[in-house]
Amino acid sequence: MAKSFDNLYPEICSFENLYQAWRKAAKGKRSCPAAASFEVSLSDELIQLQQELITQTWQPGEYYSFTILLPTSTAFDSAQATE
């Protein structure tokens, strides 16, 4: 039988959930300028993100591409730290 996830969206949009997601996403990226800038006003940024999610107006930003050359060339696309 399939699981039902009624009323899951409010839990996803909760401040605590967004904060925990930021902590996981920021691991190893704290020296990144975008991540550092986001963290300076973390509370305000998370509140704004929460409001955009609740009102369903959040739009993802552009991805940036990069290539890792060692040992073989591999291309990646990554979201900005604030996404």
N, C-alpha and C. Protein backbone atom coordinates (compact mmCIF):
# COMPACT_ATOMS: atom_id res chain seq x y z
N MET A 1 0.85 -1.18 0.00
CA MET A 1 0.00 0.00 0.00
C MET A 1 0.89 1.24 0.00
N ALA A 2 0.52 2.24 -0.76
CA ALA A 2 1.29 3.48 -0.87
C ALA A 2 1.15 4.31 0.40
N LYS A 3 2.23 5.01 0.74
CA LYS A 3 2.19 5.89 1.90
C LYS A 3 1.48 7.18 1.53
N SER A 4 0.82 7.76 2.50
CA SER A 4 0.15 9.05 2.32
C SER A 4 0.94 10.12 3.06
N PHE A 5 1.18 11.23 2.40
CA PHE A 5 1.95 12.32 3.00
C PHE A 5 1.10 13.58 3.07
N ASP A 6 -0.09 13.46 3.61
CA ASP A 6 -0.97 14.62 3.75
C ASP A 6 -0.33 15.66 4.65
N ASN A 7 -0.49 16.90 4.29
CA ASN A 7 -0.02 18.03 5.09
C ASN A 7 1.49 18.03 5.30
N LEU A 8 2.25 17.51 4.34
CA LEU A 8 3.70 17.49 4.45
C LEU A 8 4.31 18.84 4.09
N TYR A 9 3.67 19.59 3.21
CA TYR A 9 4.22 20.86 2.75
C TYR A 9 4.48 21.85 3.89
N PRO A 10 3.57 22.02 4.86
CA PRO A 10 3.88 22.92 5.98
C PRO A 10 5.13 22.49 6.75
N GLU A 11 5.35 21.20 6.88
CA GLU A 11 6.54 20.72 7.57
C GLU A 11 7.80 21.05 6.76
N ILE A 12 7.71 20.90 5.45
CA ILE A 12 8.83 21.23 4.57
C ILE A 12 9.17 22.71 4.69
N CYS A 13 8.15 23.55 4.79
CA CYS A 13 8.32 25.01 4.84
C CYS A 13 8.66 25.54 6.22
N SER A 14 8.72 24.68 7.22
CA SER A 14 8.97 25.17 8.58
C SER A 14 10.38 25.75 8.68
N PHE A 15 10.52 26.76 9.54
CA PHE A 15 11.81 27.42 9.71
C PHE A 15 12.87 26.42 10.16
N GLU A 16 12.52 25.54 11.09
CA GLU A 16 13.48 24.56 11.60
C GLU A 16 13.96 23.64 10.48
N ASN A 17 13.06 23.19 9.62
CA ASN A 17 13.45 22.33 8.51
C ASN A 17 14.38 23.06 7.54
N LEU A 18 14.05 24.31 7.23
CA LEU A 18 14.90 25.10 6.33
C LEU A 18 16.27 25.34 6.95
N TYR A 19 16.31 25.57 8.25
CA TYR A 19 17.59 25.78 8.94
C TYR A 19 18.44 24.51 8.89
N GLN A 20 17.83 23.36 9.17
CA GLN A 20 18.57 22.10 9.11
C GLN A 20 19.07 21.81 7.70
N ALA A 21 18.25 22.12 6.70
CA ALA A 21 18.66 21.93 5.30
C ALA A 21 19.84 22.83 4.97
N TRP A 22 19.82 24.08 5.48
CA TRP A 22 20.94 24.99 5.24
C TRP A 22 22.22 24.44 5.87
N ARG A 23 22.12 23.93 7.08
CA ARG A 23 23.31 23.39 7.75
C ARG A 23 23.93 22.25 6.94
N LYS A 24 23.08 21.37 6.41
CA LYS A 24 23.59 20.26 5.60
C LYS A 24 24.18 20.77 4.29
N ALA A 25 23.51 21.70 3.65
CA ALA A 25 23.97 22.21 2.36
C ALA A 25 25.24 23.03 2.49
N ALA A 26 25.42 23.71 3.61
CA ALA A 26 26.57 24.61 3.79
C ALA A 26 27.84 23.89 4.20
N LYS A 27 27.72 22.62 4.59
CA LYS A 27 28.91 21.88 5.01
C LYS A 27 29.96 21.90 3.92
N GLY A 28 31.15 22.38 4.27
CA GLY A 28 32.24 22.43 3.32
C GLY A 28 32.18 23.59 2.34
N LYS A 29 31.15 24.44 2.44
CA LYS A 29 31.00 25.55 1.51
C LYS A 29 31.06 26.90 2.21
N ARG A 30 31.45 26.94 3.45
CA ARG A 30 31.42 28.19 4.21
C ARG A 30 32.41 29.23 3.68
N SER A 31 33.42 28.79 2.95
CA SER A 31 34.37 29.75 2.38
C SER A 31 33.88 30.31 1.05
N CYS A 32 32.84 29.73 0.50
CA CYS A 32 32.26 30.21 -0.76
C CYS A 32 31.62 31.58 -0.52
N PRO A 33 31.93 32.58 -1.34
CA PRO A 33 31.38 33.93 -1.12
C PRO A 33 29.84 33.97 -1.04
N ALA A 34 29.16 33.22 -1.91
CA ALA A 34 27.69 33.23 -1.89
C ALA A 34 27.16 32.64 -0.59
N ALA A 35 27.77 31.55 -0.13
CA ALA A 35 27.34 30.92 1.12
C ALA A 35 27.62 31.83 2.31
N ALA A 36 28.79 32.47 2.31
CA ALA A 36 29.14 33.38 3.40
C ALA A 36 28.19 34.57 3.45
N SER A 37 27.85 35.10 2.29
CA SER A 37 26.93 36.23 2.22
C SER A 37 25.54 35.84 2.73
N PHE A 38 25.09 34.65 2.34
CA PHE A 38 23.79 34.15 2.78
C PHE A 38 23.78 33.97 4.29
N GLU A 39 24.89 33.47 4.84
CA GLU A 39 24.96 33.17 6.27
C GLU A 39 25.00 34.42 7.13
N VAL A 40 25.52 35.52 6.60
CA VAL A 40 25.58 36.77 7.36
C VAL A 40 24.19 37.19 7.81
N SER A 41 23.22 37.03 6.92
CA SER A 41 21.83 37.38 7.26
C SER A 41 20.96 36.13 7.18
N LEU A 42 21.44 35.05 7.76
CA LEU A 42 20.80 33.74 7.65
C LEU A 42 19.34 33.76 8.06
N SER A 43 19.03 34.33 9.21
CA SER A 43 17.66 34.36 9.70
C SER A 43 16.73 35.06 8.71
N ASP A 44 17.15 36.24 8.24
CA ASP A 44 16.33 36.99 7.28
C ASP A 44 16.17 36.22 5.97
N GLU A 45 17.26 35.61 5.50
CA GLU A 45 17.22 34.85 4.25
C GLU A 45 16.27 33.65 4.37
N LEU A 46 16.32 32.95 5.50
CA LEU A 46 15.46 31.79 5.68
C LEU A 46 14.00 32.20 5.82
N ILE A 47 13.74 33.32 6.48
CA ILE A 47 12.36 33.81 6.59
C ILE A 47 11.83 34.18 5.21
N GLN A 48 12.66 34.84 4.40
CA GLN A 48 12.23 35.19 3.04
C GLN A 48 11.97 33.93 2.22
N LEU A 49 12.87 32.95 2.31
CA LEU A 49 12.68 31.69 1.59
C LEU A 49 11.40 31.00 2.05
N GLN A 50 11.17 31.00 3.35
CA GLN A 50 9.97 30.38 3.90
C GLN A 50 8.71 31.04 3.33
N GLN A 51 8.70 32.36 3.28
CA GLN A 51 7.54 33.08 2.74
C GLN A 51 7.33 32.77 1.26
N GLU A 52 8.43 32.70 0.51
CA GLU A 52 8.32 32.37 -0.92
C GLU A 52 7.79 30.95 -1.12
N LEU A 53 8.20 30.03 -0.26
CA LEU A 53 7.70 28.66 -0.37
C LEU A 53 6.23 28.59 0.01
N ILE A 54 5.85 29.27 1.07
CA ILE A 54 4.45 29.25 1.52
C ILE A 54 3.53 29.84 0.46
N THR A 55 3.96 30.95 -0.14
CA THR A 55 3.14 31.61 -1.16
C THR A 55 3.35 31.02 -2.55
N GLN A 56 4.22 30.03 -2.63
CA GLN A 56 4.55 29.33 -3.87
C GLN A 56 5.04 30.28 -4.95
N THR A 57 5.89 31.24 -4.54
CA THR A 57 6.48 32.18 -5.49
C THR A 57 7.99 31.96 -5.65
N TRP A 58 8.55 30.96 -4.97
CA TRP A 58 9.99 30.70 -5.06
C TRP A 58 10.35 30.21 -6.45
N GLN A 59 11.42 30.74 -7.00
CA GLN A 59 11.94 30.31 -8.30
C GLN A 59 13.41 29.95 -8.12
N PRO A 60 13.84 28.81 -8.65
CA PRO A 60 15.26 28.46 -8.53
C PRO A 60 16.11 29.41 -9.36
N GLY A 61 17.32 29.65 -8.90
CA GLY A 61 18.25 30.49 -9.64
C GLY A 61 18.93 29.70 -10.74
N GLU A 62 19.82 30.38 -11.44
CA GLU A 62 20.55 29.72 -12.52
C GLU A 62 21.62 28.79 -11.95
N TYR A 63 21.87 27.71 -12.67
CA TYR A 63 22.94 26.80 -12.32
C TYR A 63 24.23 27.29 -12.97
N TYR A 64 25.35 26.94 -12.38
CA TYR A 64 26.61 27.23 -13.03
C TYR A 64 27.30 25.91 -13.33
N SER A 65 28.04 25.89 -14.42
CA SER A 65 28.71 24.68 -14.88
C SER A 65 30.20 24.77 -14.61
N PHE A 66 30.79 23.64 -14.31
CA PHE A 66 32.24 23.58 -14.12
C PHE A 66 32.71 22.18 -14.49
N THR A 67 33.98 22.05 -14.75
CA THR A 67 34.57 20.78 -15.14
C THR A 67 35.71 20.44 -14.20
N ILE A 68 35.75 19.20 -13.77
CA ILE A 68 36.86 18.69 -12.97
C ILE A 68 37.72 17.86 -13.90
N LEU A 69 39.00 18.17 -13.97
CA LEU A 69 39.87 17.58 -14.97
C LEU A 69 40.65 16.35 -14.52
N LEU A 70 40.75 16.10 -13.23
CA LEU A 70 41.56 14.97 -12.77
C LEU A 70 40.71 13.88 -12.19
N PRO A 71 40.90 12.63 -12.40
CA PRO A 71 41.79 12.00 -13.37
C PRO A 71 41.23 12.03 -14.79
N THR A 72 39.91 12.16 -14.93
CA THR A 72 39.33 12.32 -16.26
C THR A 72 38.46 13.56 -16.24
N SER A 73 38.15 14.08 -17.39
CA SER A 73 37.34 15.29 -17.50
C SER A 73 35.86 14.95 -17.25
N THR A 74 35.27 15.58 -16.25
CA THR A 74 33.87 15.37 -15.92
C THR A 74 33.19 16.72 -15.73
N ALA A 75 32.07 16.92 -16.41
CA ALA A 75 31.34 18.19 -16.32
C ALA A 75 30.24 18.08 -15.27
N PHE A 76 30.00 19.17 -14.54
CA PHE A 76 28.98 19.22 -13.50
C PHE A 76 28.17 20.49 -13.65
N ASP A 77 26.94 20.46 -13.18
CA ASP A 77 26.10 21.65 -13.03
C ASP A 77 25.73 21.73 -11.56
N SER A 78 25.78 22.93 -11.01
CA SER A 78 25.52 23.10 -9.59
C SER A 78 24.67 24.33 -9.35
N ALA A 79 23.78 24.24 -8.37
CA ALA A 79 22.98 25.39 -7.97
C ALA A 79 23.84 26.32 -7.12
N GLN A 80 23.47 27.57 -7.07
CA GLN A 80 24.16 28.53 -6.22
C GLN A 80 23.96 28.14 -4.76
N ALA A 81 24.83 28.59 -3.90
CA ALA A 81 24.77 28.24 -2.47
C ALA A 81 23.45 28.68 -1.84
N THR A 82 22.85 29.73 -2.36
CA THR A 82 21.62 30.23 -1.77
C THR A 82 20.39 29.48 -2.26
N GLU A 83 20.56 28.56 -3.17
CA GLU A 83 19.43 27.80 -3.69
C GLU A 83 19.24 26.59 -2.82
